[in-house]
Amino acid sequence: MPAFIVAVGLGVDFSGHAAAEQEAREVAAQAARAAAHQVVLTADGPKLDVAAGKSAAHSYAAAAGYTAEVHLTEATGARVTVHGTYDTLFLGIIGVHSMQAEGEGVARGVSVTE
């Protein structure tokens, strides 16, 4: 019976971890989008505000419960990697209380003129 509980726990917790990884990818993509939307208008046209973009990405990730690594340049846009944890439901029985969940998202602002 204990082996059966551990086997079921593996299934439950690994599917939960997969869902947490998907959520991390979604949060990273939206944080990157938020960063790429931080634009200032200059005489030469719109430019990405790198400092505001990094702040926006960090804020978005933190609001979702993640920490973020933000790489942002005017030329390449935003690449955000978020890190979080999935707290296990059953694997704590064998000493695994959490698993790392991370995701990456990329966004780039595109200037459109008529």
N, C-alpha and C. Protein backbone atom coordinates (compact mmCIF):
# COMPACT_ATOMS: atom_id res chain seq x y z
N MET A 1 0.81 -1.20 0.00
CA MET A 1 0.00 0.00 0.00
C MET A 1 0.86 1.28 0.00
N PRO A 2 1.93 1.36 0.80
CA PRO A 2 2.76 2.56 0.75
C PRO A 2 3.34 2.81 -0.65
N ALA A 3 3.72 1.73 -1.35
CA ALA A 3 4.26 1.90 -2.70
C ALA A 3 3.19 2.46 -3.64
N PHE A 4 1.96 2.03 -3.47
CA PHE A 4 0.86 2.53 -4.29
C PHE A 4 0.63 4.03 -4.04
N ILE A 5 0.68 4.43 -2.77
CA ILE A 5 0.50 5.84 -2.42
C ILE A 5 1.62 6.68 -3.03
N VAL A 6 2.84 6.18 -2.97
CA VAL A 6 3.97 6.91 -3.56
C VAL A 6 3.80 7.00 -5.08
N ALA A 7 3.35 5.91 -5.72
CA ALA A 7 3.16 5.92 -7.17
C ALA A 7 2.08 6.93 -7.57
N VAL A 8 0.97 6.95 -6.84
CA VAL A 8 -0.09 7.92 -7.12
C VAL A 8 0.43 9.33 -6.85
N GLY A 9 1.17 9.48 -5.76
CA GLY A 9 1.76 10.78 -5.43
C GLY A 9 2.67 11.30 -6.52
N LEU A 10 3.47 10.39 -7.11
CA LEU A 10 4.34 10.79 -8.22
C LEU A 10 3.52 11.34 -9.38
N GLY A 11 2.44 10.64 -9.72
CA GLY A 11 1.59 11.10 -10.82
C GLY A 11 0.96 12.45 -10.53
N VAL A 12 0.42 12.60 -9.34
CA VAL A 12 -0.23 13.86 -8.97
C VAL A 12 0.78 15.00 -8.94
N ASP A 13 1.91 14.78 -8.29
CA ASP A 13 2.87 15.86 -8.13
C ASP A 13 3.60 16.19 -9.43
N PHE A 14 3.87 15.21 -10.27
CA PHE A 14 4.54 15.53 -11.53
C PHE A 14 3.58 16.22 -12.50
N SER A 15 2.29 15.89 -12.46
CA SER A 15 1.35 16.63 -13.29
C SER A 15 1.17 18.05 -12.74
N GLY A 16 1.18 18.20 -11.42
CA GLY A 16 1.12 19.53 -10.82
C GLY A 16 2.33 20.36 -11.18
N HIS A 17 3.48 19.72 -11.20
CA HIS A 17 4.72 20.41 -11.58
C HIS A 17 4.66 20.84 -13.04
N ALA A 18 4.13 19.99 -13.91
CA ALA A 18 4.00 20.35 -15.32
C ALA A 18 3.08 21.57 -15.47
N ALA A 19 2.01 21.61 -14.71
CA ALA A 19 1.11 22.77 -14.74
C ALA A 19 1.81 24.02 -14.22
N ALA A 20 2.63 23.87 -13.20
CA ALA A 20 3.38 25.00 -12.65
C ALA A 20 4.39 25.52 -13.67
N GLU A 21 5.02 24.64 -14.42
CA GLU A 21 5.96 25.05 -15.46
C GLU A 21 5.24 25.81 -16.56
N GLN A 22 4.03 25.36 -16.93
CA GLN A 22 3.25 26.06 -17.95
C GLN A 22 2.87 27.45 -17.45
N GLU A 23 2.46 27.54 -16.21
CA GLU A 23 2.13 28.85 -15.63
C GLU A 23 3.35 29.77 -15.64
N ALA A 24 4.52 29.22 -15.32
CA ALA A 24 5.75 30.01 -15.32
C ALA A 24 6.05 30.55 -16.72
N ARG A 25 5.84 29.73 -17.75
CA ARG A 25 6.05 30.19 -19.12
C ARG A 25 5.08 31.31 -19.47
N GLU A 26 3.83 31.18 -19.04
CA GLU A 26 2.83 32.22 -19.32
C GLU A 26 3.18 33.53 -18.60
N VAL A 27 3.60 33.42 -17.35
CA VAL A 27 3.98 34.62 -16.59
C VAL A 27 5.20 35.28 -17.24
N ALA A 28 6.17 34.48 -17.67
CA ALA A 28 7.36 35.04 -18.31
C ALA A 28 7.00 35.74 -19.61
N ALA A 29 6.11 35.16 -20.40
CA ALA A 29 5.70 35.79 -21.66
C ALA A 29 5.00 37.11 -21.40
N GLN A 30 4.13 37.15 -20.41
CA GLN A 30 3.41 38.39 -20.11
C GLN A 30 4.34 39.44 -19.49
N ALA A 31 5.29 39.01 -18.69
CA ALA A 31 6.27 39.95 -18.13
C ALA A 31 7.12 40.55 -19.25
N ALA A 32 7.50 39.73 -20.22
CA ALA A 32 8.27 40.23 -21.36
C ALA A 32 7.43 41.22 -22.17
N ARG A 33 6.15 40.92 -22.35
CA ARG A 33 5.26 41.83 -23.07
C ARG A 33 5.15 43.16 -22.33
N ALA A 34 5.00 43.09 -21.01
CA ALA A 34 4.91 44.32 -20.21
C ALA A 34 6.19 45.14 -20.35
N ALA A 35 7.32 44.48 -20.41
CA ALA A 35 8.60 45.18 -20.58
C ALA A 35 8.69 45.84 -21.95
N ALA A 36 8.25 45.14 -22.98
CA ALA A 36 8.36 45.66 -24.34
C ALA A 36 7.39 46.82 -24.59
N HIS A 37 6.40 46.98 -23.75
CA HIS A 37 5.45 48.09 -23.90
C HIS A 37 5.94 49.39 -23.29
N GLN A 38 7.07 49.37 -22.64
CA GLN A 38 7.59 50.59 -22.00
C GLN A 38 8.37 51.39 -23.04
N VAL A 39 7.68 52.30 -23.67
CA VAL A 39 8.23 53.05 -24.79
C VAL A 39 8.19 54.54 -24.47
N VAL A 40 9.21 55.26 -24.90
CA VAL A 40 9.22 56.72 -24.83
C VAL A 40 9.33 57.26 -26.25
N LEU A 41 8.71 58.41 -26.47
CA LEU A 41 8.77 59.04 -27.78
C LEU A 41 9.92 60.03 -27.81
N THR A 42 10.75 59.92 -28.82
CA THR A 42 11.87 60.83 -29.00
C THR A 42 11.74 61.48 -30.37
N ALA A 43 12.63 62.41 -30.67
CA ALA A 43 12.63 63.05 -31.98
C ALA A 43 12.88 62.04 -33.10
N ASP A 44 13.58 60.96 -32.77
CA ASP A 44 13.87 59.92 -33.76
C ASP A 44 12.79 58.85 -33.83
N GLY A 45 11.76 58.99 -33.02
CA GLY A 45 10.68 58.01 -33.01
C GLY A 45 10.60 57.29 -31.67
N PRO A 46 9.77 56.27 -31.58
CA PRO A 46 9.62 55.56 -30.30
C PRO A 46 10.87 54.74 -29.98
N LYS A 47 11.24 54.74 -28.71
CA LYS A 47 12.40 53.97 -28.23
C LYS A 47 11.98 53.20 -26.98
N LEU A 48 12.54 52.06 -26.83
CA LEU A 48 12.27 51.24 -25.65
C LEU A 48 12.96 51.85 -24.44
N ASP A 49 12.20 52.05 -23.37
CA ASP A 49 12.76 52.56 -22.11
C ASP A 49 13.24 51.35 -21.31
N VAL A 50 14.53 51.08 -21.36
CA VAL A 50 15.10 49.87 -20.78
C VAL A 50 14.87 49.81 -19.27
N ALA A 51 15.09 50.89 -18.56
CA ALA A 51 14.93 50.88 -17.10
C ALA A 51 13.47 50.63 -16.72
N ALA A 52 12.54 51.32 -17.37
CA ALA A 52 11.12 51.11 -17.07
C ALA A 52 10.68 49.72 -17.48
N GLY A 53 11.23 49.20 -18.56
CA GLY A 53 10.89 47.85 -19.01
C GLY A 53 11.32 46.79 -18.01
N LYS A 54 12.53 46.93 -17.50
CA LYS A 54 13.00 45.98 -16.49
C LYS A 54 12.15 46.05 -15.25
N SER A 55 11.81 47.25 -14.84
CA SER A 55 10.97 47.42 -13.66
C SER A 55 9.59 46.80 -13.87
N ALA A 56 9.01 47.00 -15.05
CA ALA A 56 7.69 46.44 -15.34
C ALA A 56 7.72 44.91 -15.34
N ALA A 57 8.76 44.33 -15.91
CA ALA A 57 8.86 42.87 -15.94
C ALA A 57 9.03 42.29 -14.54
N HIS A 58 9.90 42.91 -13.74
CA HIS A 58 10.09 42.45 -12.37
C HIS A 58 8.80 42.57 -11.56
N SER A 59 8.10 43.68 -11.73
CA SER A 59 6.85 43.90 -11.00
C SER A 59 5.79 42.88 -11.39
N TYR A 60 5.66 42.60 -12.68
CA TYR A 60 4.66 41.63 -13.14
C TYR A 60 4.97 40.24 -12.57
N ALA A 61 6.22 39.84 -12.66
CA ALA A 61 6.60 38.51 -12.15
C ALA A 61 6.40 38.42 -10.64
N ALA A 62 6.78 39.47 -9.92
CA ALA A 62 6.62 39.46 -8.46
C ALA A 62 5.15 39.39 -8.07
N ALA A 63 4.28 40.09 -8.81
CA ALA A 63 2.85 40.06 -8.51
C ALA A 63 2.28 38.66 -8.70
N ALA A 64 2.89 37.87 -9.58
CA ALA A 64 2.44 36.50 -9.82
C ALA A 64 3.14 35.49 -8.91
N GLY A 65 4.07 35.97 -8.06
CA GLY A 65 4.75 35.10 -7.12
C GLY A 65 6.05 34.50 -7.63
N TYR A 66 6.65 35.12 -8.61
CA TYR A 66 7.89 34.61 -9.19
C TYR A 66 9.00 35.65 -9.06
N THR A 67 10.24 35.19 -9.14
CA THR A 67 11.36 36.10 -9.31
C THR A 67 11.73 36.07 -10.78
N ALA A 68 12.32 37.15 -11.26
CA ALA A 68 12.59 37.24 -12.70
C ALA A 68 14.01 37.67 -12.98
N GLU A 69 14.54 37.14 -14.07
CA GLU A 69 15.77 37.63 -14.67
C GLU A 69 15.35 38.29 -15.97
N VAL A 70 15.69 39.55 -16.13
CA VAL A 70 15.24 40.31 -17.30
C VAL A 70 16.44 40.76 -18.11
N HIS A 71 16.43 40.43 -19.39
CA HIS A 71 17.44 40.89 -20.33
C HIS A 71 16.70 41.72 -21.36
N LEU A 72 17.01 43.01 -21.40
CA LEU A 72 16.23 43.93 -22.21
C LEU A 72 17.16 44.90 -22.93
N THR A 73 17.04 44.93 -24.24
CA THR A 73 17.79 45.92 -25.01
C THR A 73 16.86 46.48 -26.07
N GLU A 74 17.17 47.66 -26.52
CA GLU A 74 16.35 48.29 -27.54
C GLU A 74 16.39 47.48 -28.84
N ALA A 75 17.51 46.87 -29.13
CA ALA A 75 17.67 46.14 -30.39
C ALA A 75 16.95 44.79 -30.39
N THR A 76 16.99 44.08 -29.28
CA THR A 76 16.46 42.71 -29.28
C THR A 76 15.15 42.54 -28.54
N GLY A 77 14.71 43.53 -27.79
CA GLY A 77 13.48 43.41 -27.03
C GLY A 77 13.73 42.80 -25.66
N ALA A 78 12.74 42.08 -25.17
CA ALA A 78 12.81 41.57 -23.80
C ALA A 78 12.85 40.05 -23.78
N ARG A 79 13.72 39.51 -22.95
CA ARG A 79 13.76 38.08 -22.67
C ARG A 79 13.69 37.96 -21.15
N VAL A 80 12.64 37.29 -20.67
CA VAL A 80 12.40 37.18 -19.23
C VAL A 80 12.38 35.70 -18.85
N THR A 81 13.14 35.37 -17.82
CA THR A 81 13.10 34.02 -17.24
C THR A 81 12.59 34.18 -15.82
N VAL A 82 11.53 33.42 -15.49
CA VAL A 82 10.98 33.49 -14.14
C VAL A 82 11.28 32.19 -13.40
N HIS A 83 11.43 32.32 -12.09
CA HIS A 83 11.73 31.18 -11.23
C HIS A 83 10.72 31.15 -10.08
N GLY A 84 10.22 29.97 -9.81
CA GLY A 84 9.30 29.79 -8.69
C GLY A 84 9.39 28.36 -8.18
N THR A 85 8.49 27.99 -7.32
CA THR A 85 8.47 26.63 -6.80
C THR A 85 7.07 26.06 -6.84
N TYR A 86 7.00 24.76 -6.97
CA TYR A 86 5.75 24.02 -6.86
C TYR A 86 5.83 23.24 -5.56
N ASP A 87 4.92 23.50 -4.65
CA ASP A 87 4.87 22.77 -3.38
C ASP A 87 4.15 21.45 -3.60
N THR A 88 4.83 20.34 -3.33
CA THR A 88 4.26 19.03 -3.60
C THR A 88 3.13 18.70 -2.63
N LEU A 89 2.24 17.84 -3.10
CA LEU A 89 1.11 17.40 -2.28
C LEU A 89 1.39 16.07 -1.59
N PHE A 90 2.01 15.15 -2.31
CA PHE A 90 2.24 13.81 -1.78
C PHE A 90 3.72 13.48 -1.56
N LEU A 91 4.59 14.05 -2.35
CA LEU A 91 6.00 13.66 -2.30
C LEU A 91 6.70 14.09 -1.02
N GLY A 92 6.05 14.92 -0.22
CA GLY A 92 6.61 15.26 1.08
C GLY A 92 6.78 14.02 1.95
N ILE A 93 6.01 12.98 1.65
CA ILE A 93 6.12 11.71 2.39
C ILE A 93 7.52 11.14 2.26
N ILE A 94 8.14 11.34 1.10
CA ILE A 94 9.49 10.80 0.90
C ILE A 94 10.55 11.91 0.94
N GLY A 95 10.16 13.08 1.46
CA GLY A 95 11.14 14.14 1.68
C GLY A 95 11.26 15.18 0.58
N VAL A 96 10.43 15.09 -0.47
CA VAL A 96 10.47 16.08 -1.54
C VAL A 96 9.31 17.04 -1.31
N HIS A 97 9.60 18.22 -0.77
CA HIS A 97 8.55 19.15 -0.38
C HIS A 97 8.25 20.20 -1.45
N SER A 98 9.18 20.42 -2.36
CA SER A 98 8.94 21.39 -3.43
C SER A 98 9.84 21.06 -4.62
N MET A 99 9.43 21.57 -5.78
CA MET A 99 10.21 21.42 -7.01
C MET A 99 10.30 22.78 -7.69
N GLN A 100 11.42 23.04 -8.32
CA GLN A 100 11.61 24.31 -9.02
C GLN A 100 10.75 24.34 -10.27
N ALA A 101 10.15 25.50 -10.54
CA ALA A 101 9.40 25.73 -11.78
C ALA A 101 9.95 27.00 -12.41
N GLU A 102 10.29 26.91 -13.69
CA GLU A 102 10.77 28.10 -14.36
C GLU A 102 10.28 28.13 -15.79
N GLY A 103 10.21 29.33 -16.32
CA GLY A 103 9.75 29.51 -17.69
C GLY A 103 10.42 30.71 -18.30
N GLU A 104 10.39 30.77 -19.63
CA GLU A 104 11.03 31.87 -20.34
C GLU A 104 10.06 32.43 -21.36
N GLY A 105 10.09 33.75 -21.50
CA GLY A 105 9.25 34.42 -22.47
C GLY A 105 10.04 35.50 -23.19
N VAL A 106 9.66 35.77 -24.43
CA VAL A 106 10.34 36.75 -25.24
C VAL A 106 9.29 37.65 -25.88
N ALA A 107 9.55 38.95 -25.92
CA ALA A 107 8.67 39.89 -26.61
C ALA A 107 9.51 40.97 -27.25
N ARG A 108 8.99 41.49 -28.33
CA ARG A 108 9.71 42.54 -29.04
C ARG A 108 8.72 43.57 -29.53
N GLY A 109 9.01 44.82 -29.28
CA GLY A 109 8.16 45.88 -29.79
C GLY A 109 8.41 46.11 -31.26
N VAL A 110 7.34 46.35 -32.00
CA VAL A 110 7.46 46.59 -33.43
C VAL A 110 6.80 47.92 -33.75
N SER A 111 7.51 48.77 -34.41
CA SER A 111 6.99 50.07 -34.80
C SER A 111 6.18 49.91 -36.09
N VAL A 112 4.97 50.43 -36.07
CA VAL A 112 4.10 50.32 -37.25
C VAL A 112 3.72 51.73 -37.68
N THR A 113 3.91 52.01 -38.94
CA THR A 113 3.51 53.31 -39.49
C THR A 113 2.64 53.09 -40.71
N GLU A 114 1.83 54.08 -41.02
CA GLU A 114 0.95 53.96 -42.19
C GLU A 114 1.63 54.51 -43.40
